[in-house]
C-alpha atoms as a PDB file:
ATOM      1  CA  MET A   1      37.662-243.284 136.566  1.00  0.00           C
ATOM      2  CA  SER A   2      34.212-241.700 136.764  1.00  0.00           C
ATOM      3  CA  LEU A   3      34.218-238.551 138.823  1.00  0.00           C
ATOM      4  CA  ALA A   4      31.072-236.381 139.667  1.00  0.00           C
ATOM      5  CA  VAL A   5      31.919-233.164 137.908  1.00  0.00           C
ATOM      6  CA  ALA A   6      29.633-229.493 138.584  1.00  0.00           C
ATOM      7  CA  LEU A   7      29.888-227.101 136.079  1.00  0.00           C
ATOM      8  CA  GLN A   8      28.774-223.666 137.965  1.00  0.00           C
ATOM      9  CA  MET A   9      28.418-221.580 135.177  1.00  0.00           C
ATOM     10  CA  ASP A  10      25.747-219.501 133.654  1.00  0.00           C
ATOM     11  CA  PRO A  11      22.237-220.782 132.155  1.00  0.00           C
ATOM     12  CA  ILE A  12      23.646-223.470 129.585  1.00  0.00           C
ATOM     13  CA  GLU A  13      20.426-222.950 127.893  1.00  0.00           C
ATOM     14  CA  SER A  14      21.860-219.584 126.448  1.00  0.00           C
ATOM     15  CA  ILE A  15      25.299-220.459 125.248  1.00  0.00           C
ATOM     16  CA  ASN A  16      26.756-220.508 121.892  1.00  0.00           C
ATOM     17  CA  ILE A  17      27.781-224.049 121.406  1.00  0.00           C
ATOM     18  CA  ASP A  18      30.242-222.830 118.432  1.00  0.00           C
ATOM     19  CA  THR A  19      32.320-220.913 120.929  1.00  0.00           C
ATOM     20  CA  ASP A  20      31.596-221.607 124.240  1.00  0.00           C
ATOM     21  CA  SER A  21      34.763-223.230 126.126  1.00  0.00           C
ATOM     22  CA  SER A  22      32.768-225.014 128.863  1.00  0.00           C
ATOM     23  CA  PHE A  23      30.475-226.708 126.495  1.00  0.00           C
ATOM     24  CA  MET A  24      33.487-228.108 125.084  1.00  0.00           C
ATOM     25  CA  MET A  25      34.975-228.816 128.793  1.00  0.00           C
ATOM     26  CA  ALA A  26      31.419-230.670 129.448  1.00  0.00           C
ATOM     27  CA  LEU A  27      31.730-232.946 126.147  1.00  0.00           C
ATOM     28  CA  GLU A  28      35.192-234.240 126.729  1.00  0.00           C
ATOM     29  CA  ALA A  29      34.141-234.834 130.834  1.00  0.00           C
ATOM     30  CA  GLN A  30      30.966-236.624 129.288  1.00  0.00           C
ATOM     31  CA  ARG A  31      33.153-238.647 126.753  1.00  0.00           C
ATOM     32  CA  ARG A  32      35.398-239.494 129.625  1.00  0.00           C
ATOM     33  CA  GLY A  33      32.497-240.776 131.386  1.00  0.00           C
ATOM     34  CA  HIS A  34      32.532-238.249 134.412  1.00  0.00           C
ATOM     35  CA  ARG A  35      28.770-237.581 135.696  1.00  0.00           C
ATOM     36  CA  LEU A  36      28.116-234.427 134.956  1.00  0.00           C
ATOM     37  CA  PHE A  37      25.662-231.671 137.140  1.00  0.00           C
ATOM     38  CA  HIS A  38      25.344-227.906 136.759  1.00  0.00           C
ATOM     39  CA  TYR A  39      24.084-225.364 138.807  1.00  0.00           C
ATOM     40  CA  HIS A  40      24.230-221.162 138.902  1.00  0.00           C
ATOM     41  CA  PRO A  41      25.957-219.620 141.552  1.00  0.00           C
ATOM     42  CA  ARG A  42      22.882-217.803 142.521  1.00  0.00           C
ATOM     43  CA  ASP A  43      21.597-221.800 143.471  1.00  0.00           C
ATOM     44  CA  LEU A  44      24.690-221.797 146.119  1.00  0.00           C
ATOM     45  CA  SER A  45      23.818-221.863 150.030  1.00  0.00           C
ATOM     46  CA  LEU A  46      25.892-221.732 153.028  1.00  0.00           C
ATOM     47  CA  THR A  47      24.924-223.127 156.471  1.00  0.00           C
ATOM     48  CA  GLY A  48      27.375-223.086 159.079  1.00  0.00           C
ATOM     49  CA  ASN A  49      30.468-224.710 156.837  1.00  0.00           C
ATOM     50  CA  THR A  50      27.614-226.584 154.632  1.00  0.00           C
ATOM     51  CA  LEU A  51      27.945-225.607 151.416  1.00  0.00           C
ATOM     52  CA  THR A  52      24.736-226.898 149.450  1.00  0.00           C
ATOM     53  CA  ALA A  53      23.338-226.097 145.832  1.00  0.00           C
ATOM     54  CA  ARG A  54      20.306-226.973 143.938  1.00  0.00           C
ATOM     55  CA  VAL A  55      22.287-228.939 141.013  1.00  0.00           C
ATOM     56  CA  ARG A  56      20.613-230.919 137.929  1.00  0.00           C
ATOM     57  CA  PRO A  57      22.404-233.611 136.059  1.00  0.00           C
ATOM     58  CA  LEU A  58      23.146-232.497 132.835  1.00  0.00           C
ATOM     59  CA  THR A  59      24.118-234.213 129.805  1.00  0.00           C
ATOM     60  CA  VAL A  60      25.426-232.265 126.551  1.00  0.00           C
ATOM     61  CA  GLU A  61      25.508-232.900 122.902  1.00  0.00           C
ATOM     62  CA  ARG A  62      26.640-230.944 119.948  1.00  0.00           C
ATOM     63  CA  LYS A  63      23.309-230.253 118.674  1.00  0.00           C
ATOM     64  CA  ARG A  64      21.867-226.590 117.826  1.00  0.00           C
ATOM     65  CA  GLY A  65      18.580-226.216 119.528  1.00  0.00           C
ATOM     66  CA  ALA A  66      18.962-229.279 121.533  1.00  0.00           C
ATOM     67  CA  HIS A  67      22.847-229.039 123.079  1.00  0.00           C
ATOM     68  CA  TYR A  68      21.984-229.834 126.946  1.00  0.00           C
ATOM     69  CA  THR A  69      19.334-232.158 128.928  1.00  0.00           C
ATOM     70  CA  LEU A  70      19.081-231.422 132.441  1.00  0.00           C
ATOM     71  CA  GLY A  71      17.719-233.737 134.843  1.00  0.00           C
ATOM     72  CA  GLU A  72      15.567-232.895 137.954  1.00  0.00           C
ATOM     73  CA  ALA A  73      16.973-230.516 140.553  1.00  0.00           C
ATOM     74  CA  ALA A  74      18.246-231.802 143.891  1.00  0.00           C
ATOM     75  CA  LEU A  75      19.798-229.952 146.907  1.00  0.00           C
ATOM     76  CA  THR A  76      23.006-231.447 147.328  1.00  0.00           C
ATOM     77  CA  ASP A  77      26.102-230.877 149.724  1.00  0.00           C
ATOM     78  CA  LEU A  78      28.625-229.879 147.177  1.00  0.00           C
ATOM     79  CA  SER A  79      31.295-231.667 149.099  1.00  0.00           C
ATOM     80  CA  THR A  80      30.233-235.238 148.076  1.00  0.00           C
ATOM     81  CA  LEU A  81      31.418-234.286 144.457  1.00  0.00           C
ATOM     82  CA  ASP A  82      34.699-234.795 142.919  1.00  0.00           C
ATOM     83  CA  ILE A  83      35.334-231.782 140.977  1.00  0.00           C
ATOM     84  CA  ILE A  84      33.961-228.077 140.854  1.00  0.00           C
ATOM     85  CA  LEU A  85      34.636-226.253 137.539  1.00  0.00           C
ATOM     86  CA  MET A  86      34.008-222.521 138.287  1.00  0.00           C
ATOM     87  CA  ARG A  87      33.110-221.024 135.018  1.00  0.00           C
ATOM     88  CA  GLN A  88      30.678-218.447 135.219  1.00  0.00           C
ATOM     89  CA  ASP A  89      31.189-215.121 133.397  1.00  0.00           C
ATOM     90  CA  PRO A  90      32.768-211.878 134.822  1.00  0.00           C
ATOM     91  CA  PRO A  91      31.865-209.393 135.679  1.00  0.00           C
ATOM     92  CA  PHE A  92      34.431-209.634 138.369  1.00  0.00           C
ATOM     93  CA  ASP A  93      32.144-207.803 141.233  1.00  0.00           C
ATOM     94  CA  MET A  94      30.930-208.765 144.553  1.00  0.00           C
ATOM     95  CA  ALA A  95      28.815-211.365 143.462  1.00  0.00           C
ATOM     96  CA  TYR A  96      31.755-213.099 141.951  1.00  0.00           C
ATOM     97  CA  ILE A  97      33.708-212.636 144.824  1.00  0.00           C
ATOM     98  CA  THR A  98      31.559-214.271 147.412  1.00  0.00           C
ATOM     99  CA  ALA A  99      31.310-217.110 145.265  1.00  0.00           C
ATOM    100  CA  THR A 100      35.154-218.009 145.609  1.00  0.00           C
ATOM    101  CA  HIS A 101      34.513-217.430 149.429  1.00  0.00           C
ATOM    102  CA  MET A 102      31.696-220.079 149.386  1.00  0.00           C
ATOM    103  CA  LEU A 103      33.607-222.490 147.408  1.00  0.00           C
ATOM    104  CA  GLU A 104      36.177-222.588 150.040  1.00  0.00           C
ATOM    105  CA  HIS A 105      34.531-224.618 152.166  1.00  0.00           C
ATOM    106  CA  VAL A 106      34.502-227.684 149.848  1.00  0.00           C
ATOM    107  CA  GLN A 107      38.187-227.700 149.898  1.00  0.00           C
ATOM    108  CA  PRO A 108      40.473-229.724 149.696  1.00  0.00           C
ATOM    109  CA  LYS A 109      37.797-232.727 149.804  1.00  0.00           C
ATOM    110  CA  VAL A 110      36.755-231.120 146.701  1.00  0.00           C
ATOM    111  CA  LEU A 111      38.975-230.286 143.590  1.00  0.00           C
ATOM    112  CA  VAL A 112      37.613-226.610 142.897  1.00  0.00           C
ATOM    113  CA  LEU A 113      38.933-225.264 139.247  1.00  0.00           C
ATOM    114  CA  ASN A 114      40.233-222.477 139.332  1.00  0.00           C
ATOM    115  CA  ASP A 115      41.197-222.833 142.705  1.00  0.00           C
ATOM    116  CA  PRO A 116      38.532-219.590 143.916  1.00  0.00           C
ATOM    117  CA  ALA A 117      40.961-217.988 147.046  1.00  0.00           C
ATOM    118  CA  GLU A 118      43.480-217.496 143.849  1.00  0.00           C
ATOM    119  CA  VAL A 119      40.629-216.351 141.250  1.00  0.00           C
ATOM    120  CA  ARG A 120      39.774-213.784 143.721  1.00  0.00           C
ATOM    121  CA  ASN A 121      43.328-212.986 144.256  1.00  0.00           C
ATOM    122  CA  ALA A 122      44.226-212.188 140.358  1.00  0.00           C
ATOM    123  CA  PRO A 123      41.755-209.750 138.978  1.00  0.00           C
ATOM    124  CA  GLU A 124      42.848-209.738 135.107  1.00  0.00           C
ATOM    125  CA  LYS A 125      43.938-206.231 134.930  1.00  0.00           C
ATOM    126  CA  LEU A 126      45.930-206.315 138.632  1.00  0.00           C
ATOM    127  CA  PHE A 127      47.181-209.753 138.253  1.00  0.00           C
ATOM    128  CA  VAL A 128      49.160-208.932 135.409  1.00  0.00           C
ATOM    129  CA  THR A 129      50.991-206.150 137.245  1.00  0.00           C
ATOM    130  CA  ARG A 130      52.921-208.569 139.399  1.00  0.00           C
ATOM    131  CA  PHE A 131      54.730-209.078 135.852  1.00  0.00           C
ATOM    132  CA  PRO A 132      55.833-205.231 135.344  1.00  0.00           C
ATOM    133  CA  ASP A 133      58.535-206.288 132.709  1.00  0.00           C
ATOM    134  CA  LEU A 134      55.977-208.183 130.534  1.00  0.00           C
ATOM    135  CA  MET A 135      53.648-205.783 130.473  1.00  0.00           C
ATOM    136  CA  PRO A 136      53.008-202.180 128.355  1.00  0.00           C
ATOM    137  CA  PRO A 137      53.637-198.915 130.292  1.00  0.00           C
ATOM    138  CA  THR A 138      50.184-198.864 132.602  1.00  0.00           C
ATOM    139  CA  LEU A 139      48.609-196.674 135.277  1.00  0.00           C
ATOM    140  CA  ILE A 140      46.082-197.485 137.593  1.00  0.00           C
ATOM    141  CA  THR A 141      44.487-194.459 139.675  1.00  0.00           C
ATOM    142  CA  SER A 142      41.535-192.288 140.453  1.00  0.00           C
ATOM    143  CA  ASP A 143      43.951-189.082 140.108  1.00  0.00           C
ATOM    144  CA  LYS A 144      43.010-187.457 137.659  1.00  0.00           C
ATOM    145  CA  GLN A 145      46.172-185.337 137.213  1.00  0.00           C
ATOM    146  CA  ALA A 146      48.179-188.501 137.217  1.00  0.00           C
ATOM    147  CA  ILE A 147      46.265-189.451 134.006  1.00  0.00           C
ATOM    148  CA  LEU A 148      47.016-186.330 132.615  1.00  0.00           C
ATOM    149  CA  ASP A 149      50.598-186.642 133.298  1.00  0.00           C
ATOM    150  CA  PHE A 150      50.592-190.149 131.932  1.00  0.00           C
ATOM    151  CA  ARG A 151      48.724-188.765 128.673  1.00  0.00           C
ATOM    152  CA  ALA A 152      51.568-186.062 127.987  1.00  0.00           C
ATOM    153  CA  GLN A 153      54.154-188.705 128.504  1.00  0.00           C
ATOM    154  CA  TYR A 154      52.797-191.348 126.242  1.00  0.00           C
ATOM    155  CA  LYS A 155      50.308-189.102 123.895  1.00  0.00           C
ATOM    156  CA  ASP A 156      48.676-192.104 122.830  1.00  0.00           C
ATOM    157  CA  ILE A 157      46.331-193.876 125.741  1.00  0.00           C
ATOM    158  CA  ILE A 158      44.009-196.553 126.214  1.00  0.00           C
ATOM    159  CA  VAL A 159      41.371-196.155 129.401  1.00  0.00           C
ATOM    160  CA  LYS A 160      39.581-198.766 130.746  1.00  0.00           C
ATOM    161  CA  PRO A 161      37.227-199.735 133.460  1.00  0.00           C
ATOM    162  CA  LEU A 162      39.245-201.988 136.049  1.00  0.00           C
ATOM    163  CA  PHE A 163      37.062-204.482 136.350  1.00  0.00           C
ATOM    164  CA  GLY A 164      35.468-204.438 132.991  1.00  0.00           C
ATOM    165  CA  ASN A 165      35.704-207.456 130.062  1.00  0.00           C
ATOM    166  CA  GLY A 166      34.919-208.903 127.013  1.00  0.00           C
ATOM    167  CA  GLY A 167      36.433-205.203 125.692  1.00  0.00           C
ATOM    168  CA  ALA A 168      33.542-202.901 127.437  1.00  0.00           C
ATOM    169  CA  GLY A 169      34.133-199.702 128.359  1.00  0.00           C
ATOM    170  CA  VAL A 170      37.684-199.618 126.203  1.00  0.00           C
ATOM    171  CA  PHE A 171      38.213-196.384 125.045  1.00  0.00           C
ATOM    172  CA  HIS A 172      41.317-195.011 122.722  1.00  0.00           C
ATOM    173  CA  LEU A 173      42.050-191.354 123.059  1.00  0.00           C
ATOM    174  CA  LYS A 174      44.654-190.085 120.690  1.00  0.00           C
ATOM    175  CA  PRO A 175      46.665-186.757 121.554  1.00  0.00           C
ATOM    176  CA  ASP A 176      44.359-184.575 120.221  1.00  0.00           C
ATOM    177  CA  ASP A 177      41.493-186.093 121.654  1.00  0.00           C
ATOM    178  CA  GLU A 178      39.439-183.681 123.736  1.00  0.00           C
ATOM    179  CA  ASN A 179      37.142-185.894 125.727  1.00  0.00           C
ATOM    180  CA  LEU A 180      39.384-187.361 128.260  1.00  0.00           C
ATOM    181  CA  GLY A 181      37.935-184.967 131.241  1.00  0.00           C
ATOM    182  CA  SER A 182      34.309-186.093 130.038  1.00  0.00           C
ATOM    183  CA  LEU A 183      35.314-189.839 129.695  1.00  0.00           C
ATOM    184  CA  LEU A 184      36.892-189.682 133.655  1.00  0.00           C
ATOM    185  CA  GLU A 185      33.816-187.781 134.620  1.00  0.00           C
ATOM    186  CA  LEU A 186      31.843-190.274 132.945  1.00  0.00           C
ATOM    187  CA  PHE A 187      33.732-193.239 134.442  1.00  0.00           C
ATOM    188  CA  THR A 188      33.592-191.678 137.981  1.00  0.00           C
ATOM    189  CA  GLN A 189      30.218-191.706 138.041  1.00  0.00           C
ATOM    190  CA  LEU A 190      29.736-195.422 136.868  1.00  0.00           C
ATOM    191  CA  TYR A 191      32.450-197.034 138.670  1.00  0.00           C
ATOM    192  CA  ARG A 192      34.070-196.808 142.502  1.00  0.00           C
ATOM    193  CA  GLU A 193      37.401-198.279 141.591  1.00  0.00           C
ATOM    194  CA  PRO A 194      40.520-196.306 139.966  1.00  0.00           C
ATOM    195  CA  VAL A 195      40.567-196.737 136.048  1.00  0.00           C
ATOM    196  CA  ILE A 196      43.314-198.222 134.146  1.00  0.00           C
ATOM    197  CA  VAL A 197      45.696-196.244 131.489  1.00  0.00           C
ATOM    198  CA  GLN A 198      48.084-198.154 128.963  1.00  0.00           C
ATOM    199  CA  LYS A 199      49.676-196.629 126.165  1.00  0.00           C
ATOM    200  CA  TYR A 200      48.308-197.163 122.969  1.00  0.00           C
ATOM    201  CA  LEU A 201      50.029-200.570 121.057  1.00  0.00           C
ATOM    202  CA  PRO A 202      49.620-199.599 117.545  1.00  0.00           C
ATOM    203  CA  GLU A 203      50.269-203.669 117.272  1.00  0.00           C
ATOM    204  CA  ILE A 204      46.748-203.847 117.764  1.00  0.00           C
ATOM    205  CA  ARG A 205      46.357-203.815 114.144  1.00  0.00           C
ATOM    206  CA  GLN A 206      48.015-206.902 113.715  1.00  0.00           C
ATOM    207  CA  GLY A 207      45.616-208.634 116.157  1.00  0.00           C
ATOM    208  CA  ASP A 208      45.274-209.207 120.136  1.00  0.00           C
ATOM    209  CA  LYS A 209      46.734-212.617 120.571  1.00  0.00           C
ATOM    210  CA  ARG A 210      44.578-215.027 123.171  1.00  0.00           C
ATOM    211  CA  ILE A 211      47.054-217.380 124.591  1.00  0.00           C
ATOM    212  CA  ILE A 212      45.471-220.771 126.187  1.00  0.00           C
ATOM    213  CA  LEU A 213      48.010-221.869 129.316  1.00  0.00           C
ATOM    214  CA  ILE A 214      47.202-225.455 130.409  1.00  0.00           C
ATOM    215  CA  ASP A 215      48.358-225.844 134.032  1.00  0.00           C
ATOM    216  CA  GLY A 216      51.222-223.333 133.243  1.00  0.00           C
ATOM    217  CA  GLU A 217      52.244-224.634 129.629  1.00  0.00           C
ATOM    218  CA  PRO A 218      51.133-222.759 126.710  1.00  0.00           C
ATOM    219  CA  ALA A 219      48.750-225.026 124.624  1.00  0.00           C
ATOM    220  CA  GLY A 220      47.491-222.842 121.946  1.00  0.00           C
ATOM    221  CA  ALA A 221      46.997-219.517 120.653  1.00  0.00           C
ATOM    222  CA  VAL A 222      44.545-217.230 118.459  1.00  0.00           C
ATOM    223  CA  SER A 223      45.030-213.755 116.974  1.00  0.00           C
ATOM    224  CA  ARG A 224      41.710-211.852 117.387  1.00  0.00           C
ATOM    225  CA  MET A 225      41.725-209.155 114.327  1.00  0.00           C
ATOM    226  CA  PRO A 226      40.017-205.857 115.235  1.00  0.00           C
ATOM    227  CA  GLN A 227      36.906-204.563 112.737  1.00  0.00           C
ATOM    228  CA  GLU A 228      38.047-201.836 110.577  1.00  0.00           C
ATOM    229  CA  GLY A 229      37.908-198.445 112.778  1.00  0.00           C
ATOM    230  CA  GLU A 230      37.914-200.489 115.840  1.00  0.00           C
ATOM    231  CA  ALA A 231      40.304-200.418 118.426  1.00  0.00           C
ATOM    232  CA  ARG A 232      39.061-203.539 120.141  1.00  0.00           C
ATOM    233  CA  ALA A 233      39.733-207.175 119.128  1.00  0.00           C
ATOM    234  CA  ASN A 234      37.728-208.812 121.753  1.00  0.00           C
ATOM    235  CA  PHE A 235      35.282-211.479 120.298  1.00  0.00           C
ATOM    236  CA  HIS A 236      32.804-210.014 122.183  1.00  0.00           C
ATOM    237  CA  ALA A 237      33.443-206.517 120.557  1.00  0.00           C
ATOM    238  CA  GLY A 238      33.215-208.112 116.729  1.00  0.00           C
ATOM    239  CA  GLY A 239      36.856-209.271 116.614  1.00  0.00           C
ATOM    240  CA  SER A 240      37.653-212.065 114.360  1.00  0.00           C
ATOM    241  CA  ALA A 241      39.769-215.268 114.620  1.00  0.00           C
ATOM    242  CA  ARG A 242      43.158-215.791 112.569  1.00  0.00           C
ATOM    243  CA  LYS A 243      45.564-218.837 112.938  1.00  0.00           C
ATOM    244  CA  THR A 244      49.021-217.910 114.295  1.00  0.00           C
ATOM    245  CA  GLU A 245      51.941-219.249 115.905  1.00  0.00           C
ATOM    246  CA  LEU A 246      54.014-218.312 119.047  1.00  0.00           C
ATOM    247  CA  THR A 247      56.771-215.617 119.303  1.00  0.00           C
ATOM    248  CA  ALA A 248      59.908-215.859 120.658  1.00  0.00           C
ATOM    249  CA  ARG A 249      58.692-213.023 123.104  1.00  0.00           C
ATOM    250  CA  GLU A 250      55.435-214.920 123.440  1.00  0.00           C
ATOM    251  CA  ARG A 251      57.332-218.071 124.891  1.00  0.00           C
ATOM    252  CA  GLU A 252      59.406-215.914 126.779  1.00  0.00           C
ATOM    253  CA  ILE A 253      56.110-214.699 128.641  1.00  0.00           C
ATOM    254  CA  CYS A 254      54.362-218.178 128.809  1.00  0.00           C
ATOM    255  CA  ALA A 255      57.604-219.396 130.572  1.00  0.00           C
ATOM    256  CA  ALA A 256      57.804-216.441 133.218  1.00  0.00           C
ATOM    257  CA  ILE A 257      54.149-216.939 134.570  1.00  0.00           C
ATOM    258  CA  GLY A 258      53.626-220.624 133.940  1.00  0.00           C
ATOM    259  CA  PRO A 259      55.251-221.808 137.060  1.00  0.00           C
ATOM    260  CA  VAL A 260      53.335-219.111 139.342  1.00  0.00           C
ATOM    261  CA  LEU A 261      50.026-220.229 137.884  1.00  0.00           C
ATOM    262  CA  ARG A 262      50.418-223.559 138.365  1.00  0.00           C
ATOM    263  CA  GLU A 263      52.008-223.284 142.170  1.00  0.00           C
ATOM    264  CA  LYS A 264      48.260-221.075 142.687  1.00  0.00           C
ATOM    265  CA  GLY A 265      45.882-224.164 141.008  1.00  0.00           C
ATOM    266  CA  LEU A 266      44.986-221.659 138.114  1.00  0.00           C
ATOM    267  CA  VAL A 267      45.050-224.755 135.423  1.00  0.00           C
ATOM    268  CA  PHE A 268      43.016-223.048 133.105  1.00  0.00           C
ATOM    269  CA  VAL A 269      44.523-219.570 131.838  1.00  0.00           C
ATOM    270  CA  GLY A 270      43.862-217.170 128.611  1.00  0.00           C
ATOM    271  CA  ILE A 271      46.417-214.478 128.594  1.00  0.00           C
ATOM    272  CA  ASP A 272      45.826-211.514 126.139  1.00  0.00           C
ATOM    273  CA  VAL A 273      49.341-209.996 124.395  1.00  0.00           C
ATOM    274  CA  ILE A 274      49.749-207.246 122.020  1.00  0.00           C
ATOM    275  CA  GLY A 275      53.162-206.692 120.312  1.00  0.00           C
ATOM    276  CA  ASP A 276      55.598-207.478 122.956  1.00  0.00           C
ATOM    277  CA  TYR A 277      53.314-207.014 125.526  1.00  0.00           C
ATOM    278  CA  MET A 278      51.033-208.763 127.999  1.00  0.00           C
ATOM    279  CA  THR A 279      48.065-206.613 128.660  1.00  0.00           C
ATOM    280  CA  GLU A 280      46.043-209.231 130.875  1.00  0.00           C
ATOM    281  CA  ILE A 281      45.650-212.744 132.845  1.00  0.00           C
ATOM    282  CA  ASN A 282      42.207-214.030 132.516  1.00  0.00           C
ATOM    283  CA  VAL A 283      41.794-216.798 134.925  1.00  0.00           C
ATOM    284  CA  THR A 284      37.822-216.253 135.348  1.00  0.00           C
ATOM    285  CA  SER A 285      36.164-217.980 132.639  1.00  0.00           C
ATOM    286  CA  PRO A 286      38.784-218.217 129.938  1.00  0.00           C
ATOM    287  CA  THR A 287      37.388-218.508 126.414  1.00  0.00           C
ATOM    288  CA  GLY A 288      39.322-219.313 123.065  1.00  0.00           C
ATOM    289  CA  ILE A 289      39.563-223.272 122.934  1.00  0.00           C
ATOM    290  CA  GLN A 290      37.197-223.674 119.668  1.00  0.00           C
ATOM    291  CA  GLU A 291      38.501-220.990 118.110  1.00  0.00           C
ATOM    292  CA  ILE A 292      42.055-222.342 118.218  1.00  0.00           C
ATOM    293  CA  ASN A 293      40.804-225.831 117.834  1.00  0.00           C
ATOM    294  CA  ARG A 294      39.324-225.019 114.442  1.00  0.00           C
ATOM    295  CA  LEU A 295      42.196-223.305 113.073  1.00  0.00           C
ATOM    296  CA  ASN A 296      45.132-225.839 114.400  1.00  0.00           C
ATOM    297  CA  GLY A 297      43.525-228.850 113.960  1.00  0.00           C
ATOM    298  CA  THR A 298      43.424-229.755 117.999  1.00  0.00           C
ATOM    299  CA  GLN A 299      41.661-230.806 120.763  1.00  0.00           C
ATOM    300  CA  LEU A 300      42.677-228.457 123.776  1.00  0.00           C
ATOM    301  CA  GLU A 301      39.639-229.505 125.815  1.00  0.00           C
ATOM    302  CA  VAL A 302      41.390-232.881 125.747  1.00  0.00           C
ATOM    303  CA  THR A 303      45.063-231.638 127.045  1.00  0.00           C
ATOM    304  CA  LEU A 304      42.752-229.625 129.653  1.00  0.00           C
ATOM    305  CA  TRP A 305      40.993-232.740 131.282  1.00  0.00           C
ATOM    306  CA  ASP A 306      44.357-234.548 131.362  1.00  0.00           C
ATOM    307  CA  ALA A 307      45.762-231.735 133.671  1.00  0.00           C
ATOM    308  CA  ILE A 308      42.631-231.997 135.873  1.00  0.00           C
ATOM    309  CA  GLU A 309      42.553-235.481 136.272  1.00  0.00           C
ATOM    310  CA  ARG A 310      46.531-235.659 136.891  1.00  0.00           C
ATOM    311  CA  ARG A 311      45.902-232.812 139.488  1.00  0.00           C
ATOM    312  CA  TYR A 312      42.852-234.925 141.070  1.00  0.00           C
ATOM    313  CA  GLN A 313      44.568-237.778 141.075  1.00  0.00           C
ATOM    314  CA  ALA A 314      47.895-236.001 142.682  1.00  0.00           C
ATOM    315  CA  ASP A 315      45.832-234.216 145.524  1.00  0.00           C
ATOM    316  CA  ARG A 316      44.443-237.784 146.663  1.00  0.00           C
ATOM    317  CA  LYS A 317      47.944-238.994 147.054  1.00  0.00           C
END
C-alpha cells in the first residue's frame, strides 16, 4: 500500500531532527513506501468547496544540515491525497482554527489526522475539563475576585494563559507572593481570553509526565524534569527527559479518556500528568516520540503508523 501523505506543518528546514515528532512520522511513512508532500498552513486556498495548496514533494533522512529535500511546488487539489497530517505547532489561535475549518472540506474523501473538527473542539486546557475527576482543582475565569477566592482556598497556585503552549506565561504564585494583581493586569493587556488558575502540585519536582496515546491506548511516557528553581518542566522551558513507567493511576487516566479520543478521531495525543492529576490533553501537534524511543528502545512511530493505516483502511470499507 503506497499512499499520498501530506504534512501540513511549519517550515521543515527549521525543525530539530533530534526531537521533532513530525520528522519521525515522515521517516516511517517514507520507509513504508508512502509518497510524502509538505505545505505550510499559509499555502491553503479555498475556492468554493475546493481546497488547494501549493505542495512540494518531500524526502527526509536523519542527516543534520541535510535532513530534507523538497521538490517543485505544484498547486494541488488536496482531495486527491490519501492522508493529511495536521502537524503545525500552536499557538491555538484564529489562524489555527481557520485551518481546521478549511480541512473539513476534503473529508471524508481524505483521512485528516487528527480530525480537524475535533482538534478545534479540544483546546488543551479546556478539553481536560471534560474529565473533572482526573484534573487538579482548576478555575477558568476573567473575574479577579473569583481568582482571589480560589487563591484564598488553595494558597499555592499556578496562573497561565488559556491558549499558551510550551510552558510560556506559566507563573507559580506562593501564598506570600504580592504580584498576583500586577500579573492579572498584564494578562488582561496581552489576552482577551480568561486565564486558567490551578492548585499548585508540588509533585512537579518529581517531573511532569508526558504520556503518548495512540488511537486511545497508552504507547509510552517520559518524565520531563524541571530545572533547579523552575516551576515548568516543558522541554521548551528547559526541562530534561527521564525514563519512567506508568503508574496504576496513570493507567486509570488513560483508560478513562482513551475511548473518547478514539471516538473523536484523535489518533495521536499527548497528555500531561503531574502526581495523580492530568493537567492537559494535547491534540494539536503532540511531541515526545523521540525522547520516549531513546529512553525505552521503542519505535512509537511504527505503532502510530500501524494505527493510521488501520484507520485509513477501515474508513474505506
